[in-house]
Amino acid sequence: MLCVTANLIRGWLQRMEHVRQYALGVALMIGEERRHDIVALCVLSGRGMPAIVRDVEHTELFD
């Protein structure tokens, strides 16, 4: 199950490649097998979540 979650995170970060000039961030999986959380920290320029990030496919899964 961890590899499925890791692939989901990795794919999301790859789809955000065009955002690199506006953001800096890291995503971690914390916990044990079958009981883990995804923790992410992103530093974005400006206020709020820019549309360029919201429009990345599967961003809504990381709410």
N, C-alpha and C. Protein backbone atom coordinates (compact mmCIF):
# COMPACT_ATOMS: atom_id res chain seq x y z
N MET A 1 0.81 -1.19 0.00
CA MET A 1 0.00 0.00 0.00
C MET A 1 0.86 1.26 0.00
N LEU A 2 2.01 1.22 0.65
CA LEU A 2 2.88 2.38 0.68
C LEU A 2 3.36 2.76 -0.72
N CYS A 3 3.64 1.75 -1.55
CA CYS A 3 4.13 2.07 -2.90
C CYS A 3 3.04 2.73 -3.74
N VAL A 4 1.77 2.36 -3.52
CA VAL A 4 0.67 3.00 -4.24
C VAL A 4 0.56 4.47 -3.84
N THR A 5 0.65 4.73 -2.54
CA THR A 5 0.60 6.11 -2.06
C THR A 5 1.80 6.90 -2.54
N ALA A 6 2.98 6.30 -2.50
CA ALA A 6 4.19 6.97 -2.98
C ALA A 6 4.07 7.31 -4.47
N ASN A 7 3.50 6.40 -5.26
CA ASN A 7 3.30 6.66 -6.68
C ASN A 7 2.31 7.80 -6.91
N LEU A 8 1.26 7.86 -6.09
CA LEU A 8 0.29 8.95 -6.19
C LEU A 8 0.96 10.29 -5.93
N ILE A 9 1.76 10.36 -4.87
CA ILE A 9 2.46 11.60 -4.53
C ILE A 9 3.47 11.96 -5.63
N ARG A 10 4.24 10.99 -6.07
CA ARG A 10 5.26 11.22 -7.09
C ARG A 10 4.63 11.73 -8.39
N GLY A 11 3.53 11.13 -8.79
CA GLY A 11 2.84 11.56 -10.01
C GLY A 11 2.30 12.97 -9.89
N TRP A 12 1.75 13.30 -8.71
CA TRP A 12 1.23 14.65 -8.48
C TRP A 12 2.35 15.68 -8.56
N LEU A 13 3.49 15.37 -7.95
CA LEU A 13 4.62 16.30 -7.99
C LEU A 13 5.15 16.45 -9.42
N GLN A 14 5.14 15.38 -10.21
CA GLN A 14 5.59 15.47 -11.59
C GLN A 14 4.66 16.36 -12.42
N ARG A 15 3.35 16.28 -12.15
CA ARG A 15 2.40 17.12 -12.88
C ARG A 15 2.51 18.59 -12.46
N MET A 16 3.18 18.86 -11.34
CA MET A 16 3.37 20.24 -10.88
C MET A 16 4.68 20.83 -11.37
N GLU A 17 5.34 20.21 -12.31
CA GLU A 17 6.64 20.66 -12.79
C GLU A 17 6.62 22.12 -13.24
N HIS A 18 5.55 22.56 -13.87
CA HIS A 18 5.46 23.94 -14.36
C HIS A 18 5.30 24.96 -13.24
N VAL A 19 5.06 24.51 -12.01
CA VAL A 19 4.86 25.40 -10.85
C VAL A 19 6.19 25.68 -10.14
N ARG A 20 7.25 25.01 -10.53
CA ARG A 20 8.53 25.11 -9.82
C ARG A 20 9.04 26.53 -9.67
N GLN A 21 8.77 27.38 -10.64
CA GLN A 21 9.28 28.75 -10.55
C GLN A 21 8.51 29.60 -9.54
N TYR A 22 7.35 29.10 -9.07
CA TYR A 22 6.52 29.85 -8.13
C TYR A 22 6.47 29.24 -6.74
N ALA A 23 6.97 28.02 -6.56
CA ALA A 23 6.75 27.30 -5.30
C ALA A 23 7.96 26.48 -4.89
N LEU A 24 7.97 26.16 -3.61
CA LEU A 24 8.97 25.28 -3.01
C LEU A 24 8.21 24.39 -2.03
N GLY A 25 8.47 23.10 -2.02
CA GLY A 25 7.71 22.25 -1.12
C GLY A 25 8.30 20.87 -0.95
N VAL A 26 7.69 20.14 -0.03
CA VAL A 26 8.08 18.77 0.27
C VAL A 26 6.83 18.00 0.67
N ALA A 27 6.78 16.71 0.35
CA ALA A 27 5.67 15.84 0.74
C ALA A 27 6.25 14.60 1.39
N LEU A 28 5.67 14.20 2.52
CA LEU A 28 6.15 13.04 3.28
C LEU A 28 5.01 12.09 3.59
N MET A 29 5.33 10.81 3.68
CA MET A 29 4.40 9.81 4.20
C MET A 29 4.87 9.47 5.61
N ILE A 30 3.98 9.64 6.58
CA ILE A 30 4.33 9.40 7.97
C ILE A 30 3.39 8.34 8.53
N GLY A 31 3.94 7.35 9.20
CA GLY A 31 3.13 6.31 9.82
C GLY A 31 3.61 4.93 9.46
N GLU A 32 2.72 3.97 9.64
CA GLU A 32 3.03 2.57 9.40
C GLU A 32 2.26 2.06 8.19
N GLU A 33 2.56 0.84 7.80
CA GLU A 33 1.83 0.18 6.72
C GLU A 33 0.34 0.19 7.05
N ARG A 34 -0.48 0.61 6.10
CA ARG A 34 -1.94 0.68 6.20
C ARG A 34 -2.45 1.77 7.15
N ARG A 35 -1.57 2.45 7.87
CA ARG A 35 -1.99 3.56 8.74
C ARG A 35 -0.97 4.68 8.60
N HIS A 36 -1.02 5.36 7.49
CA HIS A 36 -0.07 6.44 7.26
C HIS A 36 -0.81 7.69 6.77
N ASP A 37 -0.18 8.81 6.97
CA ASP A 37 -0.72 10.09 6.54
C ASP A 37 0.24 10.72 5.54
N ILE A 38 -0.30 11.57 4.70
CA ILE A 38 0.52 12.36 3.79
C ILE A 38 0.59 13.76 4.37
N VAL A 39 1.79 14.23 4.59
CA VAL A 39 2.02 15.56 5.13
C VAL A 39 2.81 16.34 4.10
N ALA A 40 2.34 17.51 3.76
CA ALA A 40 3.03 18.33 2.75
C ALA A 40 3.12 19.77 3.23
N LEU A 41 4.20 20.40 2.85
CA LEU A 41 4.40 21.82 3.12
C LEU A 41 4.83 22.47 1.82
N CYS A 42 4.09 23.47 1.41
CA CYS A 42 4.42 24.20 0.19
C CYS A 42 4.50 25.69 0.51
N VAL A 43 5.52 26.32 0.00
CA VAL A 43 5.68 27.77 0.12
C VAL A 43 5.43 28.35 -1.27
N LEU A 44 4.39 29.15 -1.37
CA LEU A 44 3.98 29.72 -2.65
C LEU A 44 4.11 31.24 -2.60
N SER A 45 4.41 31.84 -3.71
CA SER A 45 4.44 33.30 -3.75
C SER A 45 3.01 33.83 -3.86
N GLY A 46 2.73 34.93 -3.20
CA GLY A 46 1.39 35.51 -3.22
C GLY A 46 0.54 35.01 -2.08
N ARG A 47 -0.75 35.27 -2.17
CA ARG A 47 -1.70 34.87 -1.11
C ARG A 47 -2.63 33.78 -1.62
N GLY A 48 -2.95 32.84 -0.76
CA GLY A 48 -3.88 31.78 -1.12
C GLY A 48 -3.26 30.77 -2.08
N MET A 49 -4.10 29.85 -2.53
CA MET A 49 -3.67 28.83 -3.48
C MET A 49 -3.86 29.36 -4.90
N PRO A 50 -2.77 29.58 -5.63
CA PRO A 50 -2.91 30.11 -6.99
C PRO A 50 -3.59 29.10 -7.92
N ALA A 51 -4.26 29.62 -8.92
CA ALA A 51 -4.97 28.77 -9.88
C ALA A 51 -4.03 27.80 -10.57
N ILE A 52 -2.78 28.20 -10.79
CA ILE A 52 -1.81 27.33 -11.46
C ILE A 52 -1.59 26.03 -10.67
N VAL A 53 -1.76 26.08 -9.34
CA VAL A 53 -1.62 24.89 -8.50
C VAL A 53 -2.96 24.16 -8.42
N ARG A 54 -4.06 24.87 -8.24
CA ARG A 54 -5.39 24.25 -8.15
C ARG A 54 -5.74 23.48 -9.41
N ASP A 55 -5.24 23.92 -10.55
CA ASP A 55 -5.58 23.29 -11.83
C ASP A 55 -4.78 22.02 -12.11
N VAL A 56 -3.79 21.70 -11.28
CA VAL A 56 -3.02 20.47 -11.47
C VAL A 56 -3.92 19.28 -11.16
N GLU A 57 -3.94 18.31 -12.05
CA GLU A 57 -4.79 17.13 -11.89
C GLU A 57 -4.52 16.44 -10.56
N HIS A 58 -5.56 16.06 -9.83
CA HIS A 58 -5.55 15.34 -8.56
C HIS A 58 -5.19 16.21 -7.36
N THR A 59 -5.09 17.52 -7.51
CA THR A 59 -4.80 18.38 -6.36
C THR A 59 -5.89 18.26 -5.31
N GLU A 60 -7.13 18.05 -5.73
CA GLU A 60 -8.24 17.93 -4.78
C GLU A 60 -8.11 16.71 -3.86
N LEU A 61 -7.32 15.72 -4.24
CA LEU A 61 -7.12 14.54 -3.39
C LEU A 61 -6.27 14.85 -2.16
N PHE A 62 -5.53 15.95 -2.19
CA PHE A 62 -4.62 16.29 -1.10
C PHE A 62 -5.20 17.38 -0.21
N ASP A 63 -6.50 17.38 -0.01
CA ASP A 63 -7.15 18.39 0.82
C ASP A 63 -7.04 18.02 2.29
